[in-house]
């Protein structure tokens, strides 16, 4: 049996630029998703408006905005705290859209939480499956077994084959006429 080192769990990492390109991209994707999730939660919980623009290592822009990135940036750049258009009509449309966006943000947060729970369940299942594989070595792929384990498996399979032959003969010929022949497998040949 090959013994696997136990996991060290979550560890604190140094905050410095990652040098390896593949790790950099993976970390960017995960952290960006986390950032956008937190922004969505902040919008839902506090009813605030947020605009975020992030450029990936490949210089690709990603954005998150509530209610919209463009309208938030226009307001910020023009330093105009009031919205354009007829005040009452625009306010009704905006509040309706905000309520819809809040519902969507809440639903997104629920789905992300559910996804996280299911990921943890999947990881727990993988750990259990690995433990079963260690304890039940015969369930492992044959190329992972050692010579001694392969010999034990061979002997167990031969014994199983004999027992199956006896059972088949008992079923086919009745319990009283189960006389094994020379090959030791009963009257049935495999």
Protein backbone atom coordinates (compact mmCIF):
# COMPACT_ATOMS: atom_id res chain seq x y z
CA UNK A 1 0.00 0.00 0.00
CA UNK A 2 1.22 3.46 -0.85
CA UNK A 3 0.69 5.87 2.03
CA UNK A 4 -0.28 9.38 1.00
CA UNK A 5 0.85 12.36 3.06
CA UNK A 6 -2.08 13.96 4.87
CA UNK A 7 -3.14 17.39 3.72
CA UNK A 8 -1.81 20.36 5.63
CA UNK A 9 -5.10 22.21 5.16
CA UNK A 10 -5.44 25.86 4.33
CA UNK A 11 -2.25 27.74 4.89
CA UNK A 12 -1.44 31.42 4.77
CA UNK A 13 0.39 32.38 1.59
CA UNK A 14 2.81 35.23 1.12
CA UNK A 15 1.25 38.16 -0.74
CA UNK A 16 3.65 38.69 -3.58
CA UNK A 17 3.46 38.40 -7.34
CA UNK A 18 3.21 34.83 -8.56
CA UNK A 19 5.98 34.03 -11.03
CA UNK A 20 4.63 30.85 -12.64
CA UNK A 21 2.28 31.82 -15.52
CA UNK A 22 -0.19 28.91 -15.14
CA UNK A 23 -0.54 29.48 -11.38
CA UNK A 24 -0.93 33.21 -12.01
CA UNK A 25 -3.88 32.67 -14.36
CA UNK A 26 -5.60 30.17 -12.04
CA UNK A 27 -5.19 32.46 -9.04
CA UNK A 28 -6.47 35.43 -11.05
CA UNK A 29 -9.60 33.51 -12.09
CA UNK A 30 -10.37 32.31 -8.57
CA UNK A 31 -9.66 35.63 -6.87
CA UNK A 32 -11.62 37.62 -9.48
CA UNK A 33 -14.63 35.35 -9.02
CA UNK A 34 -14.34 35.82 -5.25
CA UNK A 35 -14.05 39.59 -5.61
CA UNK A 36 -17.14 39.77 -7.82
CA UNK A 37 -19.04 37.50 -5.42
CA UNK A 38 -18.20 39.77 -2.48
CA UNK A 39 -19.24 42.84 -4.50
CA UNK A 40 -22.55 41.15 -5.34
CA UNK A 41 -23.11 40.33 -1.67
CA UNK A 42 -22.35 43.94 -0.70
CA UNK A 43 -24.91 45.16 -3.27
CA UNK A 44 -27.52 42.76 -1.96
CA UNK A 45 -26.91 43.41 1.73
CA UNK A 46 -26.43 47.18 1.66
CA UNK A 47 -28.23 48.27 -1.51
CA UNK A 48 -25.14 50.10 -2.80
CA UNK A 49 -23.97 50.67 -6.33
CA UNK A 50 -20.59 49.19 -7.27
CA UNK A 51 -18.43 49.28 -10.37
CA UNK A 52 -15.26 47.16 -10.71
CA UNK A 53 -12.95 46.74 -13.68
CA UNK A 54 -10.11 44.22 -13.54
CA UNK A 55 -7.51 43.51 -16.22
CA UNK A 56 -6.20 39.95 -16.42
CA UNK A 57 -2.50 39.08 -16.81
CA UNK A 58 -3.27 38.78 -20.55
CA UNK A 59 -4.64 42.35 -20.45
CA UNK A 60 -8.26 41.23 -20.91
CA UNK A 61 -10.80 43.43 -19.08
CA UNK A 62 -13.39 41.95 -16.73
CA UNK A 63 -16.06 44.07 -15.10
CA UNK A 64 -18.80 43.91 -12.50
CA UNK A 65 -21.34 46.63 -11.99
CA UNK A 66 -24.50 47.21 -10.10
CA UNK A 67 -26.74 48.38 -11.68
CA UNK A 68 -24.46 48.85 -14.73
CA UNK A 69 -20.75 49.54 -15.03
CA UNK A 70 -21.22 52.17 -17.73
CA UNK A 71 -23.79 54.24 -15.84
CA UNK A 72 -21.68 54.17 -12.67
CA UNK A 73 -18.55 55.26 -14.51
CA UNK A 74 -20.45 58.02 -16.33
CA UNK A 75 -21.68 59.33 -12.98
CA UNK A 76 -18.19 59.13 -11.50
CA UNK A 77 -16.44 60.79 -14.44
CA UNK A 78 -18.98 63.61 -14.77
CA UNK A 79 -19.15 63.98 -10.96
CA UNK A 80 -22.91 64.23 -11.34
CA UNK A 81 -24.70 62.57 -8.40
CA UNK A 82 -28.12 62.95 -10.04
CA UNK A 83 -29.35 60.75 -12.81
CA UNK A 84 -30.30 62.09 -16.23
CA UNK A 85 -33.79 62.13 -17.75
CA UNK A 86 -37.17 62.86 -16.25
CA UNK A 87 -36.75 62.38 -12.54
CA UNK A 88 -39.91 60.44 -11.64
CA UNK A 89 -40.05 58.14 -14.68
CA UNK A 90 -36.32 57.35 -14.54
CA UNK A 91 -36.53 56.74 -10.81
CA UNK A 92 -39.37 54.22 -11.25
CA UNK A 93 -37.51 52.38 -13.99
CA UNK A 94 -34.27 52.46 -12.00
CA UNK A 95 -35.91 51.23 -8.77
CA UNK A 96 -37.66 48.42 -10.66
CA UNK A 97 -34.38 47.43 -12.29
CA UNK A 98 -32.57 47.68 -8.94
CA UNK A 99 -35.13 45.42 -7.30
CA UNK A 100 -34.71 42.89 -10.11
CA UNK A 101 -30.91 43.09 -9.88
CA UNK A 102 -31.11 42.63 -6.09
CA UNK A 103 -33.20 39.50 -6.60
CA UNK A 104 -30.74 38.21 -9.17
CA UNK A 105 -27.78 39.01 -6.91
CA UNK A 106 -29.47 37.21 -4.03
CA UNK A 107 -30.17 34.20 -6.25
CA UNK A 108 -26.56 34.24 -7.51
CA UNK A 109 -25.28 34.33 -3.93
CA UNK A 110 -27.49 31.35 -3.03
CA UNK A 111 -26.26 29.40 -6.06
CA UNK A 112 -22.63 30.18 -5.28
CA UNK A 113 -23.13 29.05 -1.68
CA UNK A 114 -24.81 25.86 -2.89
CA UNK A 115 -21.93 25.28 -5.32
CA UNK A 116 -19.44 25.69 -2.47
CA UNK A 117 -21.35 23.16 -0.33
CA UNK A 118 -21.43 20.69 -3.20
CA UNK A 119 -17.72 21.15 -3.85
CA UNK A 120 -17.02 20.36 -0.19
CA UNK A 121 -19.27 17.30 -0.41
CA UNK A 122 -17.39 16.18 -3.53
CA UNK A 123 -14.07 16.61 -1.76
CA UNK A 124 -15.36 14.61 1.22
CA UNK A 125 -16.56 11.89 -1.17
CA UNK A 126 -13.13 11.80 -2.82
CA UNK A 127 -11.46 11.44 0.60
CA UNK A 128 -13.81 8.60 1.55
CA UNK A 129 -13.23 6.90 -1.79
CA UNK A 130 -9.46 7.15 -1.32
CA UNK A 131 -9.75 5.69 2.20
CA UNK A 132 -11.85 2.80 0.87
CA UNK A 133 -9.28 2.26 -1.87
CA UNK A 134 -6.50 2.06 0.74
CA UNK A 135 -8.44 -0.34 2.94
CA UNK A 136 -9.85 -2.43 0.09
CA UNK A 137 -6.69 -2.78 -1.96
CA UNK A 138 -8.31 -5.34 -4.26
CA UNK A 139 -10.64 -2.63 -5.54
CA UNK A 140 -7.66 -0.64 -6.83
CA UNK A 141 -6.64 -0.80 -10.51
CA UNK A 142 -4.47 -3.86 -11.14
CA UNK A 143 -1.48 -1.82 -12.27
CA UNK A 144 -1.36 -0.21 -8.80
CA UNK A 145 -1.12 -3.55 -6.94
CA UNK A 146 2.14 -5.10 -5.74
CA UNK A 147 3.27 -8.67 -6.46
CA UNK A 148 2.05 -10.02 -3.12
CA UNK A 149 -1.33 -8.35 -3.55
CA UNK A 150 -1.63 -9.74 -7.09
CA UNK A 151 -0.90 -13.28 -5.81
CA UNK A 152 -3.53 -12.89 -3.08
CA UNK A 153 -6.02 -11.60 -5.63
CA UNK A 154 -5.28 -14.54 -7.96
CA UNK A 155 -5.83 -17.07 -5.14
CA UNK A 156 -9.06 -15.36 -4.10
CA UNK A 157 -10.35 -15.33 -7.69
CA UNK A 158 -9.53 -19.03 -8.13
CA UNK A 159 -11.42 -19.83 -4.92
CA UNK A 160 -14.33 -17.71 -6.11
CA UNK A 161 -14.32 -19.55 -9.44
CA UNK A 162 -14.51 -22.92 -7.63
CA UNK A 163 -17.38 -21.70 -5.45
CA UNK A 164 -19.31 -20.34 -8.43
CA UNK A 165 -18.85 -23.64 -10.27
CA UNK A 166 -20.18 -25.57 -7.27
CA UNK A 167 -23.16 -23.25 -6.95
CA UNK A 168 -24.01 -23.57 -10.65
CA UNK A 169 -23.80 -27.37 -10.45
CA UNK A 170 -26.04 -27.40 -7.38
CA UNK A 171 -28.59 -25.29 -9.19
CA UNK A 172 -28.41 -27.25 -12.46
CA UNK A 173 -28.10 -30.81 -11.13
CA UNK A 174 -29.59 -30.57 -7.64
CA UNK A 175 -27.88 -30.46 -4.28
CA UNK A 176 -27.28 -34.25 -4.11
CA UNK A 177 -25.38 -34.73 -7.36
CA UNK A 178 -22.65 -32.11 -6.96
CA UNK A 179 -19.63 -34.34 -7.56
CA UNK A 180 -16.65 -32.34 -8.75
CA UNK A 181 -14.72 -33.66 -11.75
CA UNK A 182 -10.96 -33.65 -12.27
CA UNK A 183 -10.58 -29.91 -12.81
CA UNK A 184 -12.02 -29.13 -9.35
CA UNK A 185 -14.74 -26.86 -10.71
CA UNK A 186 -17.66 -29.29 -10.75
CA UNK A 187 -19.34 -30.31 -14.01
CA UNK A 188 -19.22 -26.78 -15.42
CA UNK A 189 -16.17 -25.78 -17.45
CA UNK A 190 -14.95 -22.17 -17.60
